[in-house]
Amino acid sequence: MNLLMVIFALVAVFGLIGTIQSIREKAILGIVFNFAAFAVFGWFVFMTIKDQGFPPSLH
């Protein structure tokens, strides 16, 4: 789960970067999909860290 959380965090960061770039280019569809990826993956990472801590406990 630890490596998966790191990968999901990277996807969330890339979603945030893509959202900012899409806002600069005024691409509505890009804003929607990038923000959705940022919100979903970012929320998963946040709740996983909140629930299990970082690094996650095994038991």
Protein backbone atom coordinates (compact mmCIF):
# COMPACT_ATOMS: atom_id res chain seq x y z
CA MET A 1 0.00 0.00 0.00
CA ASN A 2 2.93 2.31 0.65
CA LEU A 3 4.18 2.38 -2.95
CA LEU A 4 0.63 2.64 -4.27
CA MET A 5 0.05 5.69 -2.07
CA VAL A 6 3.19 7.34 -3.46
CA ILE A 7 2.06 6.68 -7.03
CA PHE A 8 -1.42 8.06 -6.31
CA ALA A 9 0.16 11.15 -4.71
CA LEU A 10 2.17 11.73 -7.89
CA VAL A 11 -1.01 11.42 -9.97
CA ALA A 12 -2.68 13.98 -7.69
CA VAL A 13 0.24 16.39 -8.08
CA PHE A 14 0.20 15.97 -11.85
CA GLY A 15 -3.56 16.58 -11.80
CA LEU A 16 -2.98 19.84 -9.93
CA ILE A 17 -0.29 20.91 -12.39
CA GLY A 18 -2.56 20.02 -15.31
CA THR A 19 -5.41 21.99 -13.77
CA ILE A 20 -3.24 25.09 -13.48
CA GLN A 21 -2.03 24.72 -17.06
CA SER A 22 -5.58 24.21 -18.32
CA ILE A 23 -6.74 27.34 -16.51
CA ARG A 24 -3.96 29.31 -18.22
CA GLU A 25 -5.00 27.90 -21.63
CA LYS A 26 -8.73 28.27 -20.85
CA ALA A 27 -9.44 24.63 -21.73
CA ILE A 28 -12.68 23.79 -19.92
CA LEU A 29 -12.56 20.02 -20.47
CA GLY A 30 -8.94 19.91 -19.31
CA ILE A 31 -9.85 21.81 -16.16
CA VAL A 32 -12.69 19.41 -15.38
CA PHE A 33 -10.76 16.17 -15.89
CA ASN A 34 -7.54 17.35 -14.27
CA PHE A 35 -9.37 18.70 -11.23
CA ALA A 36 -11.38 15.48 -10.95
CA ALA A 37 -8.17 13.42 -10.99
CA PHE A 38 -6.60 15.75 -8.42
CA ALA A 39 -9.65 15.60 -6.15
CA VAL A 40 -10.16 11.81 -6.28
CA PHE A 41 -6.54 10.74 -5.95
CA GLY A 42 -5.67 13.51 -3.51
CA TRP A 43 -8.61 12.60 -1.28
CA PHE A 44 -7.59 8.93 -1.33
CA VAL A 45 -4.01 9.76 -0.35
CA PHE A 46 -5.14 12.18 2.39
CA MET A 47 -7.58 9.72 3.92
CA THR A 48 -5.08 6.84 3.73
CA ILE A 49 -2.45 8.89 5.54
CA LYS A 50 -5.03 10.06 8.08
CA ASP A 51 -6.27 6.53 8.73
CA GLN A 52 -3.04 4.49 8.65
CA GLY A 53 -0.38 7.12 9.18
CA PHE A 54 2.79 7.49 7.18
CA PRO A 55 4.48 5.09 6.90
CA PRO A 56 1.41 2.87 7.24
CA SER A 57 1.30 0.46 10.15
CA LEU A 58 1.05 -3.21 9.27
CA HIS A 59 -1.30 -4.17 12.11
